[in-house]
């Protein structure tokens, strides 16, 4: 459903030609047939479904939303089968479009981003895990709800680290009407908002199967910035090589996609407690990587 939603946004906005790849060919064909009716009448773009990896040859952007199953309590429940899946997909992508930008949505996202990059040996700037931007959208939502303001009044609301229980909302960076939110909320409110962000997916599953539209829109924004050579600042999981004093781990950090499609890791001013939580989150991801 996430892949279909991303494809729908790309098609309905005439972004580019689209290939939908699924292990079940008929499913890919059916979704492509449905979405084809959303392509604007003045657009030359196409959408096609397949189960043949060779058809993604020379793609500019590849989005991976595949899953081997459904996790219920923790994103790491099916970690071993997901890692094997991402390695297999990585081999095919390396074969057919080694210069593509890779956007990984599948969970556990930080672990899979790490193993994909290691399997393919692609430049770290070409492999991004897309989830921290979704967590940041949820942070903005809860701040606006708690402070009873519109979301447009909230800025610089970043969630970094693991896309999991150790994720860190950066309250020291967030603002309401240009004013730091810490001047407005107390420690209890901080604690409640953090817990709500971490448990958002669990609450959502009480009403529907999983998150779909939020991650689709966040991913679409990144695809659009790459295809149209637009600058975009957004948090994403990327392999760190000394930034934030962390190495050999993929985790959510602020990045900037430049108009040339290059990736720049941005700095952020943590307070002391956030810095400690960031290190703890990095170690959590490393432990998950070692567990495979």
C-alpha atoms as a PDB file:
ATOM      1  CA  UNK A   1       0.000   0.000   0.000  1.00  0.00           C
ATOM      2  CA  UNK A   2       2.888   2.389   0.678  1.00  0.00           C
ATOM      3  CA  UNK A   3       4.454   1.706  -2.717  1.00  0.00           C
ATOM      4  CA  UNK A   4       1.090   2.137  -4.432  1.00  0.00           C
ATOM      5  CA  UNK A   5       0.497   5.450  -2.657  1.00  0.00           C
ATOM      6  CA  UNK A   6       3.922   6.790  -3.641  1.00  0.00           C
ATOM      7  CA  UNK A   7       3.337   5.713  -7.246  1.00  0.00           C
ATOM      8  CA  UNK A   8      -0.079   7.393  -7.231  1.00  0.00           C
ATOM      9  CA  UNK A   9       1.438  10.710  -6.115  1.00  0.00           C
ATOM     10  CA  UNK A  10       4.165  10.465  -8.769  1.00  0.00           C
ATOM     11  CA  UNK A  11       1.662   9.643 -11.513  1.00  0.00           C
ATOM     12  CA  UNK A  12      -0.993  12.185 -10.566  1.00  0.00           C
ATOM     13  CA  UNK A  13       1.669  14.908 -10.424  1.00  0.00           C
ATOM     14  CA  UNK A  14       3.222  13.846 -13.771  1.00  0.00           C
ATOM     15  CA  UNK A  15       6.599  13.432 -12.138  1.00  0.00           C
ATOM     16  CA  UNK A  16       8.144  10.790 -14.382  1.00  0.00           C
ATOM     17  CA  UNK A  17       7.670   7.356 -15.921  1.00  0.00           C
ATOM     18  CA  UNK A  18       7.016   4.673 -13.295  1.00  0.00           C
ATOM     19  CA  UNK A  19       7.787   0.963 -13.046  1.00  0.00           C
ATOM     20  CA  UNK A  20       5.967  -0.975 -10.310  1.00  0.00           C
ATOM     21  CA  UNK A  21       7.890  -4.123  -9.400  1.00  0.00           C
ATOM     22  CA  UNK A  22       6.280  -6.822  -7.260  1.00  0.00           C
ATOM     23  CA  UNK A  23       7.069 -10.494  -6.704  1.00  0.00           C
ATOM     24  CA  UNK A  24       3.436 -11.124  -7.708  1.00  0.00           C
ATOM     25  CA  UNK A  25       3.210  -9.899 -11.287  1.00  0.00           C
ATOM     26  CA  UNK A  26      -0.598  -9.655 -11.394  1.00  0.00           C
ATOM     27  CA  UNK A  27      -0.630  -7.394  -8.348  1.00  0.00           C
ATOM     28  CA  UNK A  28       1.850  -5.032 -10.012  1.00  0.00           C
ATOM     29  CA  UNK A  29      -0.181  -5.075 -13.221  1.00  0.00           C
ATOM     30  CA  UNK A  30      -3.428  -4.389 -11.395  1.00  0.00           C
ATOM     31  CA  UNK A  31      -2.087  -1.458  -9.387  1.00  0.00           C
ATOM     32  CA  UNK A  32      -0.495   0.014 -12.523  1.00  0.00           C
ATOM     33  CA  UNK A  33      -3.791  -0.282 -14.414  1.00  0.00           C
ATOM     34  CA  UNK A  34      -5.595   1.514 -11.596  1.00  0.00           C
ATOM     35  CA  UNK A  35      -3.049   4.307 -11.179  1.00  0.00           C
ATOM     36  CA  UNK A  36      -2.810   4.852 -14.951  1.00  0.00           C
ATOM     37  CA  UNK A  37      -6.238   6.491 -14.750  1.00  0.00           C
ATOM     38  CA  UNK A  38      -4.786   9.145 -12.441  1.00  0.00           C
ATOM     39  CA  UNK A  39      -2.218  10.382 -14.984  1.00  0.00           C
ATOM     40  CA  UNK A  40      -3.278  13.865 -16.164  1.00  0.00           C
ATOM     41  CA  UNK A  41      -4.517  14.047 -19.746  1.00  0.00           C
ATOM     42  CA  UNK A  42      -1.742  16.454 -20.751  1.00  0.00           C
ATOM     43  CA  UNK A  43       0.999  14.131 -19.418  1.00  0.00           C
ATOM     44  CA  UNK A  44       3.250  11.874 -21.504  1.00  0.00           C
ATOM     45  CA  UNK A  45       4.311   9.833 -18.483  1.00  0.00           C
ATOM     46  CA  UNK A  46       3.582   6.118 -18.209  1.00  0.00           C
ATOM     47  CA  UNK A  47       3.191   3.493 -15.480  1.00  0.00           C
ATOM     48  CA  UNK A  48       3.847  -0.203 -15.926  1.00  0.00           C
ATOM     49  CA  UNK A  49       3.709  -3.233 -13.606  1.00  0.00           C
ATOM     50  CA  UNK A  50       6.115  -6.172 -13.694  1.00  0.00           C
ATOM     51  CA  UNK A  51       7.940  -8.841 -11.695  1.00  0.00           C
ATOM     52  CA  UNK A  52      11.033  -8.565 -13.886  1.00  0.00           C
ATOM     53  CA  UNK A  53      13.923  -6.632 -12.338  1.00  0.00           C
ATOM     54  CA  UNK A  54      15.479  -5.993 -15.752  1.00  0.00           C
ATOM     55  CA  UNK A  55      12.715  -3.475 -16.466  1.00  0.00           C
ATOM     56  CA  UNK A  56      14.082  -1.059 -13.859  1.00  0.00           C
ATOM     57  CA  UNK A  57      17.274  -0.701 -15.898  1.00  0.00           C
ATOM     58  CA  UNK A  58      18.793   2.821 -15.799  1.00  0.00           C
ATOM     59  CA  UNK A  59      16.188   4.151 -13.332  1.00  0.00           C
ATOM     60  CA  UNK A  60      17.072   7.468 -11.693  1.00  0.00           C
ATOM     61  CA  UNK A  61      15.320   6.672  -8.397  1.00  0.00           C
ATOM     62  CA  UNK A  62      14.427   3.323  -6.840  1.00  0.00           C
ATOM     63  CA  UNK A  63      12.038   3.171  -3.878  1.00  0.00           C
ATOM     64  CA  UNK A  64      11.982  -0.028  -1.813  1.00  0.00           C
ATOM     65  CA  UNK A  65       8.806  -0.680   0.194  1.00  0.00           C
ATOM     66  CA  UNK A  66       8.894  -4.497   0.163  1.00  0.00           C
ATOM     67  CA  UNK A  67       8.298  -6.655   3.228  1.00  0.00           C
ATOM     68  CA  UNK A  68       8.501 -10.343   4.090  1.00  0.00           C
ATOM     69  CA  UNK A  69       5.738 -10.068   6.677  1.00  0.00           C
ATOM     70  CA  UNK A  70       3.951  -7.862   9.206  1.00  0.00           C
ATOM     71  CA  UNK A  71       5.492  -6.896  12.546  1.00  0.00           C
ATOM     72  CA  UNK A  72       3.088  -6.447  15.456  1.00  0.00           C
ATOM     73  CA  UNK A  73       5.008  -5.260  18.516  1.00  0.00           C
ATOM     74  CA  UNK A  74       8.412  -4.119  17.279  1.00  0.00           C
ATOM     75  CA  UNK A  75       9.921  -3.160  13.909  1.00  0.00           C
ATOM     76  CA  UNK A  76      12.744  -5.638  14.508  1.00  0.00           C
ATOM     77  CA  UNK A  77      10.510  -8.709  14.790  1.00  0.00           C
ATOM     78  CA  UNK A  78      11.250  -9.912  11.252  1.00  0.00           C
ATOM     79  CA  UNK A  79      14.736  -8.441  11.026  1.00  0.00           C
ATOM     80  CA  UNK A  80      16.562 -11.528   9.703  1.00  0.00           C
ATOM     81  CA  UNK A  81      14.179 -12.204   6.816  1.00  0.00           C
ATOM     82  CA  UNK A  82      14.079  -8.481   5.998  1.00  0.00           C
ATOM     83  CA  UNK A  83      17.872  -8.292   5.819  1.00  0.00           C
ATOM     84  CA  UNK A  84      18.002 -11.295   3.472  1.00  0.00           C
ATOM     85  CA  UNK A  85      15.320  -9.633   1.345  1.00  0.00           C
ATOM     86  CA  UNK A  86      17.165  -6.304   1.142  1.00  0.00           C
ATOM     87  CA  UNK A  87      20.415  -8.056   0.162  1.00  0.00           C
ATOM     88  CA  UNK A  88      18.653  -9.904  -2.664  1.00  0.00           C
ATOM     89  CA  UNK A  89      17.021  -6.700  -3.885  1.00  0.00           C
ATOM     90  CA  UNK A  90      20.364  -4.908  -3.613  1.00  0.00           C
ATOM     91  CA  UNK A  91      22.031  -7.403  -5.956  1.00  0.00           C
ATOM     92  CA  UNK A  92      19.372  -6.801  -8.611  1.00  0.00           C
ATOM     93  CA  UNK A  93      19.518  -3.027  -8.303  1.00  0.00           C
ATOM     94  CA  UNK A  94      23.312  -3.076  -8.503  1.00  0.00           C
ATOM     95  CA  UNK A  95      23.008  -5.103 -11.688  1.00  0.00           C
ATOM     96  CA  UNK A  96      20.453  -2.931 -13.475  1.00  0.00           C
ATOM     97  CA  UNK A  97      20.723   0.640 -12.142  1.00  0.00           C
ATOM     98  CA  UNK A  98      23.913   1.148 -10.102  1.00  0.00           C
ATOM     99  CA  UNK A  99      23.739   4.940 -10.434  1.00  0.00           C
ATOM    100  CA  UNK A 100      20.217   5.324  -9.007  1.00  0.00           C
ATOM    101  CA  UNK A 101      19.285   7.105  -5.813  1.00  0.00           C
ATOM    102  CA  UNK A 102      17.901   4.451  -3.471  1.00  0.00           C
ATOM    103  CA  UNK A 103      15.120   5.352  -1.038  1.00  0.00           C
ATOM    104  CA  UNK A 104      14.420   2.606   1.498  1.00  0.00           C
ATOM    105  CA  UNK A 105      11.060   2.551   3.304  1.00  0.00           C
ATOM    106  CA  UNK A 106      11.093  -1.071   4.507  1.00  0.00           C
ATOM    107  CA  UNK A 107      11.645  -1.731   8.235  1.00  0.00           C
ATOM    108  CA  UNK A 108      13.717  -1.902  10.362  1.00  0.00           C
ATOM    109  CA  UNK A 109      14.807   0.979   8.214  1.00  0.00           C
ATOM    110  CA  UNK A 110      18.145   1.925   9.770  1.00  0.00           C
ATOM    111  CA  UNK A 111      19.345  -1.691   9.772  1.00  0.00           C
ATOM    112  CA  UNK A 112      18.171  -2.299   6.198  1.00  0.00           C
ATOM    113  CA  UNK A 113      19.749   0.926   4.946  1.00  0.00           C
ATOM    114  CA  UNK A 114      23.026  -0.234   6.516  1.00  0.00           C
ATOM    115  CA  UNK A 115      22.933  -3.728   4.991  1.00  0.00           C
ATOM    116  CA  UNK A 116      21.842  -2.437   1.578  1.00  0.00           C
ATOM    117  CA  UNK A 117      24.745  -0.001   1.459  1.00  0.00           C
ATOM    118  CA  UNK A 118      27.217  -2.689   2.546  1.00  0.00           C
ATOM    119  CA  UNK A 119      25.828  -5.270   0.087  1.00  0.00           C
ATOM    120  CA  UNK A 120      25.954  -2.937  -2.917  1.00  0.00           C
ATOM    121  CA  UNK A 121      28.910  -0.767  -1.893  1.00  0.00           C
ATOM    122  CA  UNK A 122      27.018   2.199  -3.365  1.00  0.00           C
ATOM    123  CA  UNK A 123      28.031   5.667  -2.267  1.00  0.00           C
ATOM    124  CA  UNK A 124      26.384   6.417   1.057  1.00  0.00           C
ATOM    125  CA  UNK A 125      24.947   9.554  -0.544  1.00  0.00           C
ATOM    126  CA  UNK A 126      22.909   7.372  -2.892  1.00  0.00           C
ATOM    127  CA  UNK A 127      21.266   5.255  -0.160  1.00  0.00           C
ATOM    128  CA  UNK A 128      18.742   6.897   2.151  1.00  0.00           C
ATOM    129  CA  UNK A 129      16.320   5.438   4.658  1.00  0.00           C
ATOM    130  CA  UNK A 130      13.113   7.467   4.667  1.00  0.00           C
ATOM    131  CA  UNK A 131      11.388   7.498   8.057  1.00  0.00           C
ATOM    132  CA  UNK A 132      12.755  10.294  10.248  1.00  0.00           C
ATOM    133  CA  UNK A 133      10.863  12.790   8.086  1.00  0.00           C
ATOM    134  CA  UNK A 134       7.642  10.912   8.908  1.00  0.00           C
ATOM    135  CA  UNK A 135       8.510  10.910  12.621  1.00  0.00           C
ATOM    136  CA  UNK A 136       9.190  14.652  12.344  1.00  0.00           C
ATOM    137  CA  UNK A 137       5.758  15.179  10.756  1.00  0.00           C
ATOM    138  CA  UNK A 138       4.255  13.376  13.735  1.00  0.00           C
ATOM    139  CA  UNK A 139       6.297  15.544  16.104  1.00  0.00           C
ATOM    140  CA  UNK A 140       4.921  18.664  14.427  1.00  0.00           C
ATOM    141  CA  UNK A 141       1.393  17.248  14.658  1.00  0.00           C
ATOM    142  CA  UNK A 142       1.620  16.539  18.402  1.00  0.00           C
ATOM    143  CA  UNK A 143       3.211  19.900  19.171  1.00  0.00           C
ATOM    144  CA  UNK A 144       0.430  21.718  17.325  1.00  0.00           C
ATOM    145  CA  UNK A 145      -2.150  19.611  19.148  1.00  0.00           C
ATOM    146  CA  UNK A 146      -0.591  20.162  22.577  1.00  0.00           C
ATOM    147  CA  UNK A 147      -0.105  23.910  22.030  1.00  0.00           C
ATOM    148  CA  UNK A 148      -3.447  24.297  20.210  1.00  0.00           C
ATOM    149  CA  UNK A 149      -1.951  26.001  17.198  1.00  0.00           C
ATOM    150  CA  UNK A 150      -1.884  25.241  13.491  1.00  0.00           C
ATOM    151  CA  UNK A 151       0.917  23.008  12.214  1.00  0.00           C
ATOM    152  CA  UNK A 152       2.133  25.880  10.034  1.00  0.00           C
ATOM    153  CA  UNK A 153       3.093  27.704  13.244  1.00  0.00           C
ATOM    154  CA  UNK A 154       5.507  24.894  14.166  1.00  0.00           C
ATOM    155  CA  UNK A 155       8.969  24.860  12.574  1.00  0.00           C
ATOM    156  CA  UNK A 156      12.254  22.953  12.902  1.00  0.00           C
ATOM    157  CA  UNK A 157      10.570  19.989  14.593  1.00  0.00           C
ATOM    158  CA  UNK A 158      13.090  17.206  14.011  1.00  0.00           C
ATOM    159  CA  UNK A 159      13.061  13.595  15.144  1.00  0.00           C
ATOM    160  CA  UNK A 160      16.457  11.938  14.781  1.00  0.00           C
ATOM    161  CA  UNK A 161      18.148   8.632  15.574  1.00  0.00           C
ATOM    162  CA  UNK A 162      16.492   5.247  15.192  1.00  0.00           C
ATOM    163  CA  UNK A 163      13.117   4.839  13.534  1.00  0.00           C
ATOM    164  CA  UNK A 164      12.056   2.911  16.615  1.00  0.00           C
ATOM    165  CA  UNK A 165      11.696   3.147  20.365  1.00  0.00           C
ATOM    166  CA  UNK A 166      14.956   5.091  20.788  1.00  0.00           C
ATOM    167  CA  UNK A 167      14.014   7.916  18.373  1.00  0.00           C
ATOM    168  CA  UNK A 168      14.682  11.409  19.716  1.00  0.00           C
ATOM    169  CA  UNK A 169      12.433  14.454  19.209  1.00  0.00           C
ATOM    170  CA  UNK A 170      14.809  17.440  19.274  1.00  0.00           C
ATOM    171  CA  UNK A 171      12.818  19.833  21.458  1.00  0.00           C
ATOM    172  CA  UNK A 172      15.776  22.205  21.756  1.00  0.00           C
ATOM    173  CA  UNK A 173      15.470  22.880  18.025  1.00  0.00           C
ATOM    174  CA  UNK A 174      11.666  23.097  17.628  1.00  0.00           C
ATOM    175  CA  UNK A 175       9.909  26.456  17.456  1.00  0.00           C
ATOM    176  CA  UNK A 176       6.398  27.872  17.656  1.00  0.00           C
ATOM    177  CA  UNK A 177       6.044  31.152  15.788  1.00  0.00           C
ATOM    178  CA  UNK A 178       9.835  31.440  15.894  1.00  0.00           C
ATOM    179  CA  UNK A 179       9.989  30.941  19.669  1.00  0.00           C
ATOM    180  CA  UNK A 180      11.603  27.835  21.166  1.00  0.00           C
ATOM    181  CA  UNK A 181       8.913  25.392  22.313  1.00  0.00           C
ATOM    182  CA  UNK A 182      10.811  24.721  25.546  1.00  0.00           C
ATOM    183  CA  UNK A 183       9.717  28.166  26.675  1.00  0.00           C
ATOM    184  CA  UNK A 184       6.114  26.983  26.361  1.00  0.00           C
ATOM    185  CA  UNK A 185       5.974  23.323  27.428  1.00  0.00           C
ATOM    186  CA  UNK A 186       7.107  21.526  30.595  1.00  0.00           C
ATOM    187  CA  UNK A 187       9.002  18.272  31.141  1.00  0.00           C
ATOM    188  CA  UNK A 188       5.798  16.233  31.541  1.00  0.00           C
ATOM    189  CA  UNK A 189       4.506  17.482  28.200  1.00  0.00           C
ATOM    190  CA  UNK A 190       7.876  16.631  26.610  1.00  0.00           C
ATOM    191  CA  UNK A 191       7.693  13.120  27.992  1.00  0.00           C
ATOM    192  CA  UNK A 192       4.111  12.620  26.799  1.00  0.00           C
ATOM    193  CA  UNK A 193       4.816  13.922  23.284  1.00  0.00           C
ATOM    194  CA  UNK A 194       7.903  11.724  22.964  1.00  0.00           C
ATOM    195  CA  UNK A 195       5.930   8.641  23.952  1.00  0.00           C
ATOM    196  CA  UNK A 196       3.117   9.542  21.550  1.00  0.00           C
ATOM    197  CA  UNK A 197       5.550   9.852  18.633  1.00  0.00           C
ATOM    198  CA  UNK A 198       7.241   6.551  19.460  1.00  0.00           C
ATOM    199  CA  UNK A 199       3.886   4.735  19.759  1.00  0.00           C
ATOM    200  CA  UNK A 200       2.142   6.441  16.832  1.00  0.00           C
ATOM    201  CA  UNK A 201       2.283   3.368  14.586  1.00  0.00           C
ATOM    202  CA  UNK A 202       0.862   1.155  17.333  1.00  0.00           C
ATOM    203  CA  UNK A 203      -2.107   3.470  17.900  1.00  0.00           C
ATOM    204  CA  UNK A 204      -2.658   3.768  14.148  1.00  0.00           C
ATOM    205  CA  UNK A 205      -2.913  -0.009  13.884  1.00  0.00           C
ATOM    206  CA  UNK A 206      -5.912   0.042  16.194  1.00  0.00           C
ATOM    207  CA  UNK A 207      -7.772   1.684  13.316  1.00  0.00           C
ATOM    208  CA  UNK A 208      -6.058   0.460  10.120  1.00  0.00           C
ATOM    209  CA  UNK A 209      -3.328  -1.951   9.091  1.00  0.00           C
ATOM    210  CA  UNK A 210      -0.371   0.435   8.866  1.00  0.00           C
ATOM    211  CA  UNK A 211       0.910   3.899   8.020  1.00  0.00           C
ATOM    212  CA  UNK A 212       0.460   4.695   4.355  1.00  0.00           C
ATOM    213  CA  UNK A 213      -0.214   8.269   3.304  1.00  0.00           C
ATOM    214  CA  UNK A 214       2.187  10.134   5.599  1.00  0.00           C
ATOM    215  CA  UNK A 215       5.237   8.183   4.514  1.00  0.00           C
ATOM    216  CA  UNK A 216       4.075   8.316   0.884  1.00  0.00           C
ATOM    217  CA  UNK A 217       3.970  12.132   0.900  1.00  0.00           C
ATOM    218  CA  UNK A 218       7.324  12.442   2.664  1.00  0.00           C
ATOM    219  CA  UNK A 219       8.884  10.060   0.144  1.00  0.00           C
ATOM    220  CA  UNK A 220       7.272  11.820  -2.813  1.00  0.00           C
ATOM    221  CA  UNK A 221       8.800  15.129  -1.703  1.00  0.00           C
ATOM    222  CA  UNK A 222      12.269  13.564  -1.835  1.00  0.00           C
ATOM    223  CA  UNK A 223      11.698  11.940  -5.236  1.00  0.00           C
ATOM    224  CA  UNK A 224      10.451  15.256  -6.607  1.00  0.00           C
ATOM    225  CA  UNK A 225      13.498  17.127  -5.307  1.00  0.00           C
ATOM    226  CA  UNK A 226      15.802  14.616  -7.017  1.00  0.00           C
ATOM    227  CA  UNK A 227      13.935  14.472 -10.337  1.00  0.00           C
ATOM    228  CA  UNK A 228      13.388  18.232 -10.570  1.00  0.00           C
ATOM    229  CA  UNK A 229      16.793  19.245  -9.157  1.00  0.00           C
ATOM    230  CA  UNK A 230      15.250  21.119  -6.251  1.00  0.00           C
ATOM    231  CA  UNK A 231      16.869  21.772  -2.884  1.00  0.00           C
ATOM    232  CA  UNK A 232      15.245  20.026   0.081  1.00  0.00           C
ATOM    233  CA  UNK A 233      16.188  19.842   3.766  1.00  0.00           C
ATOM    234  CA  UNK A 234      14.818  16.769   5.491  1.00  0.00           C
ATOM    235  CA  UNK A 235      15.902  14.211   8.105  1.00  0.00           C
ATOM    236  CA  UNK A 236      16.795  10.751   6.748  1.00  0.00           C
ATOM    237  CA  UNK A 237      18.799   7.678   7.687  1.00  0.00           C
ATOM    238  CA  UNK A 238      22.262   7.635   6.134  1.00  0.00           C
ATOM    239  CA  UNK A 239      25.577   5.928   6.863  1.00  0.00           C
ATOM    240  CA  UNK A 240      27.602   8.095   9.231  1.00  0.00           C
ATOM    241  CA  UNK A 241      31.366   8.333   8.814  1.00  0.00           C
ATOM    242  CA  UNK A 242      32.288  10.429  11.826  1.00  0.00           C
ATOM    243  CA  UNK A 243      29.453  12.945  11.778  1.00  0.00           C
ATOM    244  CA  UNK A 244      27.957  13.481  15.237  1.00  0.00           C
ATOM    245  CA  UNK A 245      30.930  11.384  16.513  1.00  0.00           C
ATOM    246  CA  UNK A 246      29.340   8.226  15.102  1.00  0.00           C
ATOM    247  CA  UNK A 247      30.760   5.773  12.559  1.00  0.00           C
ATOM    248  CA  UNK A 248      29.578   2.687  10.689  1.00  0.00           C
ATOM    249  CA  UNK A 249      25.914   3.098  11.576  1.00  0.00           C
ATOM    250  CA  UNK A 250      22.872   4.326   9.651  1.00  0.00           C
ATOM    251  CA  UNK A 251      20.505   6.586  11.565  1.00  0.00           C
ATOM    252  CA  UNK A 252      18.251   9.573  11.104  1.00  0.00           C
ATOM    253  CA  UNK A 253      20.078  12.891  10.814  1.00  0.00           C
ATOM    254  CA  UNK A 254      19.309  16.206   9.077  1.00  0.00           C
ATOM    255  CA  UNK A 255      20.346  16.158   5.421  1.00  0.00           C
ATOM    256  CA  UNK A 256      20.130  18.584   2.547  1.00  0.00           C
ATOM    257  CA  UNK A 257      19.496  17.399  -0.995  1.00  0.00           C
ATOM    258  CA  UNK A 258      21.072  20.047  -3.228  1.00  0.00           C
ATOM    259  CA  UNK A 259      19.868  21.136  -6.652  1.00  0.00           C
ATOM    260  CA  UNK A 260      22.565  18.882  -8.154  1.00  0.00           C
ATOM    261  CA  UNK A 261      21.190  15.849  -6.316  1.00  0.00           C
ATOM    262  CA  UNK A 262      24.089  15.740  -3.884  1.00  0.00           C
ATOM    263  CA  UNK A 263      23.525  14.915  -0.220  1.00  0.00           C
ATOM    264  CA  UNK A 264      24.939  17.086   2.549  1.00  0.00           C
ATOM    265  CA  UNK A 265      24.674  16.060   6.204  1.00  0.00           C
ATOM    266  CA  UNK A 266      23.631  19.059   8.284  1.00  0.00           C
ATOM    267  CA  UNK A 267      24.644  19.855  11.851  1.00  0.00           C
ATOM    268  CA  UNK A 268      22.177  20.390  14.680  1.00  0.00           C
ATOM    269  CA  UNK A 269      22.674  21.837  18.138  1.00  0.00           C
ATOM    270  CA  UNK A 270      21.731  19.171  20.686  1.00  0.00           C
ATOM    271  CA  UNK A 271      21.363  19.923  24.350  1.00  0.00           C
ATOM    272  CA  UNK A 272      23.260  17.568  26.658  1.00  0.00           C
ATOM    273  CA  UNK A 273      20.374  15.161  27.254  1.00  0.00           C
ATOM    274  CA  UNK A 274      19.586  14.925  23.526  1.00  0.00           C
ATOM    275  CA  UNK A 275      23.238  14.219  22.759  1.00  0.00           C
ATOM    276  CA  UNK A 276      23.242  11.343  25.262  1.00  0.00           C
ATOM    277  CA  UNK A 277      20.002   9.951  23.805  1.00  0.00           C
ATOM    278  CA  UNK A 278      21.454  10.197  20.292  1.00  0.00           C
ATOM    279  CA  UNK A 279      24.460   8.098  21.316  1.00  0.00           C
ATOM    280  CA  UNK A 280      22.166   5.587  23.001  1.00  0.00           C
ATOM    281  CA  UNK A 281      20.056   5.385  19.850  1.00  0.00           C
ATOM    282  CA  UNK A 282      23.167   4.785  17.732  1.00  0.00           C
ATOM    283  CA  UNK A 283      24.176   1.917  19.993  1.00  0.00           C
ATOM    284  CA  UNK A 284      20.659   0.458  19.812  1.00  0.00           C
ATOM    285  CA  UNK A 285      20.929   0.339  16.017  1.00  0.00           C
ATOM    286  CA  UNK A 286      24.397  -1.230  16.192  1.00  0.00           C
ATOM    287  CA  UNK A 287      23.053  -3.904  18.526  1.00  0.00           C
ATOM    288  CA  UNK A 288      20.243  -4.630  16.070  1.00  0.00           C
ATOM    289  CA  UNK A 289      22.770  -4.903  13.223  1.00  0.00           C
ATOM    290  CA  UNK A 290      24.893  -7.317  15.267  1.00  0.00           C
ATOM    291  CA  UNK A 291      21.841  -9.419  16.103  1.00  0.00           C
ATOM    292  CA  UNK A 292      21.386 -10.471  12.468  1.00  0.00           C
END
